[in-house]
Amino acid sequence: MVVSIDGTKEAVQAVADGKMNCVVECNPLTAPLIYDAAQKIVAGQPVAAVTYNKDQLFDSTTRRPR
């Protein structure tokens, strides 16, 4: 099984071509959320105990966008 992380266009195409089993797209908007939380912690402000970040998995069952 071949799995890739970062969701590049080439990796998604490799999955579509059957050359790779799946790829996980890691949302690049996570960094600002982490930075903001770190600043709040350092400042002694409360932060949420849990924060969810939407990533996406592409495999052979994922429909291609039209």
N, C-alpha and C. Protein backbone atom coordinates (compact mmCIF):
# COMPACT_ATOMS: atom_id res chain seq x y z
N MET A 1 0.85 -1.17 0.00
CA MET A 1 0.00 0.00 0.00
C MET A 1 0.89 1.23 0.00
N VAL A 2 0.55 2.19 -0.85
CA VAL A 2 1.30 3.43 -0.93
C VAL A 2 0.37 4.57 -0.51
N VAL A 3 0.81 5.32 0.50
CA VAL A 3 0.03 6.44 1.03
C VAL A 3 0.92 7.67 1.02
N SER A 4 0.35 8.80 0.65
CA SER A 4 1.08 10.06 0.62
C SER A 4 0.36 11.05 1.52
N ILE A 5 1.13 11.99 2.05
CA ILE A 5 0.54 13.04 2.88
C ILE A 5 0.91 14.38 2.27
N ASP A 6 -0.05 15.23 2.11
CA ASP A 6 0.05 16.62 1.70
C ASP A 6 -0.91 16.96 0.57
N GLY A 7 -1.49 15.98 -0.09
CA GLY A 7 -2.55 16.24 -1.06
C GLY A 7 -2.15 17.03 -2.27
N THR A 8 -0.93 16.84 -2.75
CA THR A 8 -0.52 17.57 -3.95
C THR A 8 -1.31 17.08 -5.16
N LYS A 9 -1.40 17.92 -6.15
CA LYS A 9 -2.13 17.58 -7.37
C LYS A 9 -1.56 16.30 -7.99
N GLU A 10 -0.25 16.17 -8.01
CA GLU A 10 0.39 14.99 -8.59
C GLU A 10 0.03 13.73 -7.82
N ALA A 11 -0.05 13.82 -6.51
CA ALA A 11 -0.40 12.65 -5.70
C ALA A 11 -1.85 12.25 -5.93
N VAL A 12 -2.76 13.23 -6.01
CA VAL A 12 -4.16 12.92 -6.28
C VAL A 12 -4.28 12.28 -7.66
N GLN A 13 -3.52 12.77 -8.63
CA GLN A 13 -3.54 12.18 -9.97
C GLN A 13 -3.00 10.76 -9.94
N ALA A 14 -1.96 10.50 -9.14
CA ALA A 14 -1.41 9.15 -9.01
C ALA A 14 -2.45 8.18 -8.45
N VAL A 15 -3.27 8.65 -7.52
CA VAL A 15 -4.36 7.82 -7.00
C VAL A 15 -5.36 7.55 -8.11
N ALA A 16 -5.73 8.59 -8.85
CA ALA A 16 -6.68 8.42 -9.95
C ALA A 16 -6.15 7.46 -11.00
N ASP A 17 -4.84 7.46 -11.21
CA ASP A 17 -4.20 6.59 -12.20
C ASP A 17 -3.95 5.18 -11.67
N GLY A 18 -4.24 4.94 -10.38
CA GLY A 18 -4.02 3.63 -9.79
C GLY A 18 -2.59 3.35 -9.39
N LYS A 19 -1.75 4.38 -9.34
CA LYS A 19 -0.33 4.22 -8.98
C LYS A 19 -0.09 4.36 -7.48
N MET A 20 -1.08 4.91 -6.78
CA MET A 20 -0.97 5.12 -5.34
C MET A 20 -2.33 4.78 -4.73
N ASN A 21 -2.34 4.27 -3.49
CA ASN A 21 -3.59 3.87 -2.86
C ASN A 21 -4.39 5.03 -2.30
N CYS A 22 -3.74 5.97 -1.63
CA CYS A 22 -4.47 7.11 -1.11
C CYS A 22 -3.52 8.24 -0.77
N VAL A 23 -4.08 9.41 -0.63
CA VAL A 23 -3.32 10.59 -0.24
C VAL A 23 -4.18 11.38 0.75
N VAL A 24 -3.54 11.93 1.77
CA VAL A 24 -4.23 12.75 2.77
C VAL A 24 -3.80 14.19 2.55
N GLU A 25 -4.78 15.06 2.36
CA GLU A 25 -4.50 16.48 2.21
C GLU A 25 -4.48 17.11 3.60
N CYS A 26 -3.34 17.67 3.98
CA CYS A 26 -3.23 18.36 5.27
C CYS A 26 -3.52 19.83 5.04
N ASN A 27 -4.52 20.32 5.71
CA ASN A 27 -4.98 21.68 5.51
C ASN A 27 -3.91 22.68 5.92
N PRO A 28 -3.46 23.54 4.99
CA PRO A 28 -2.41 24.52 5.33
C PRO A 28 -2.90 25.63 6.25
N LEU A 29 -4.19 25.71 6.47
CA LEU A 29 -4.72 26.76 7.35
C LEU A 29 -4.61 26.38 8.82
N THR A 30 -4.00 25.24 9.12
CA THR A 30 -3.82 24.81 10.50
C THR A 30 -2.81 25.69 11.23
N ALA A 31 -1.76 26.10 10.56
CA ALA A 31 -0.69 26.86 11.22
C ALA A 31 -1.19 28.13 11.91
N PRO A 32 -2.01 28.96 11.25
CA PRO A 32 -2.49 30.16 11.96
C PRO A 32 -3.31 29.82 13.21
N LEU A 33 -4.09 28.74 13.16
CA LEU A 33 -4.87 28.34 14.34
C LEU A 33 -3.95 27.96 15.49
N ILE A 34 -2.90 27.22 15.17
CA ILE A 34 -1.94 26.80 16.20
C ILE A 34 -1.21 28.00 16.77
N TYR A 35 -0.80 28.90 15.89
CA TYR A 35 -0.08 30.10 16.32
C TYR A 35 -0.95 30.94 17.26
N ASP A 36 -2.21 31.15 16.88
CA ASP A 36 -3.12 31.91 17.73
C ASP A 36 -3.31 31.25 19.09
N ALA A 37 -3.47 29.93 19.10
CA ALA A 37 -3.63 29.21 20.36
C ALA A 37 -2.39 29.35 21.23
N ALA A 38 -1.21 29.24 20.61
CA ALA A 38 0.04 29.37 21.37
C ALA A 38 0.17 30.76 21.99
N GLN A 39 -0.19 31.78 21.22
CA GLN A 39 -0.14 33.15 21.75
C GLN A 39 -1.08 33.31 22.95
N LYS A 40 -2.27 32.75 22.86
CA LYS A 40 -3.22 32.84 23.96
C LYS A 40 -2.71 32.12 25.19
N ILE A 41 -2.11 30.94 25.00
CA ILE A 41 -1.58 30.19 26.13
C ILE A 41 -0.48 30.99 26.82
N VAL A 42 0.44 31.55 26.05
CA VAL A 42 1.53 32.34 26.62
C VAL A 42 0.98 33.57 27.36
N ALA A 43 -0.10 34.14 26.85
CA ALA A 43 -0.71 35.31 27.48
C ALA A 43 -1.62 34.94 28.65
N GLY A 44 -1.75 33.64 28.92
CA GLY A 44 -2.59 33.20 30.03
C GLY A 44 -4.08 33.23 29.72
N GLN A 45 -4.42 33.31 28.46
CA GLN A 45 -5.83 33.32 28.07
C GLN A 45 -6.31 31.89 27.84
N PRO A 46 -7.60 31.66 28.00
CA PRO A 46 -8.14 30.31 27.77
C PRO A 46 -8.17 29.96 26.28
N VAL A 47 -8.00 28.69 26.02
CA VAL A 47 -8.13 28.16 24.65
C VAL A 47 -9.05 26.94 24.70
N ALA A 48 -9.64 26.62 23.58
CA ALA A 48 -10.51 25.44 23.51
C ALA A 48 -9.70 24.18 23.80
N ALA A 49 -10.31 23.26 24.52
CA ALA A 49 -9.63 22.00 24.85
C ALA A 49 -9.43 21.14 23.60
N VAL A 50 -10.34 21.28 22.64
CA VAL A 50 -10.27 20.49 21.41
C VAL A 50 -10.54 21.42 20.24
N THR A 51 -9.73 21.30 19.21
CA THR A 51 -9.94 22.04 17.97
C THR A 51 -9.87 21.05 16.83
N TYR A 52 -10.85 21.09 15.95
CA TYR A 52 -10.88 20.18 14.81
C TYR A 52 -10.41 20.89 13.56
N ASN A 53 -9.64 20.19 12.78
CA ASN A 53 -9.14 20.72 11.52
C ASN A 53 -9.59 19.79 10.41
N LYS A 54 -10.17 20.34 9.37
CA LYS A 54 -10.68 19.49 8.30
C LYS A 54 -9.55 19.14 7.32
N ASP A 55 -9.19 17.88 7.29
CA ASP A 55 -8.29 17.34 6.29
C ASP A 55 -9.13 16.46 5.39
N GLN A 56 -8.59 16.05 4.27
CA GLN A 56 -9.38 15.24 3.35
C GLN A 56 -8.54 14.05 2.87
N LEU A 57 -9.21 12.91 2.75
CA LEU A 57 -8.58 11.69 2.26
C LEU A 57 -9.07 11.43 0.84
N PHE A 58 -8.16 11.18 -0.05
CA PHE A 58 -8.49 10.83 -1.43
C PHE A 58 -8.02 9.40 -1.67
N ASP A 59 -8.96 8.53 -2.08
CA ASP A 59 -8.58 7.17 -2.45
C ASP A 59 -9.35 6.79 -3.71
N SER A 60 -9.30 5.53 -4.07
CA SER A 60 -9.93 5.11 -5.33
C SER A 60 -11.45 5.26 -5.32
N THR A 61 -12.05 5.44 -4.13
CA THR A 61 -13.50 5.61 -4.07
C THR A 61 -13.93 7.07 -4.12
N THR A 62 -12.96 7.98 -4.03
CA THR A 62 -13.28 9.40 -4.05
C THR A 62 -13.65 9.83 -5.46
N ARG A 63 -14.78 10.51 -5.57
CA ARG A 63 -15.21 10.99 -6.88
C ARG A 63 -14.38 12.20 -7.28
N ARG A 64 -14.04 12.25 -8.52
CA ARG A 64 -13.30 13.38 -9.06
C ARG A 64 -14.22 14.58 -9.19
N PRO A 65 -13.73 15.78 -8.82
CA PRO A 65 -14.55 16.97 -9.00
C PRO A 65 -14.76 17.23 -10.50
N ARG A 66 -15.92 17.73 -10.82
CA ARG A 66 -16.22 18.03 -12.24
C ARG A 66 -16.03 19.49 -12.53
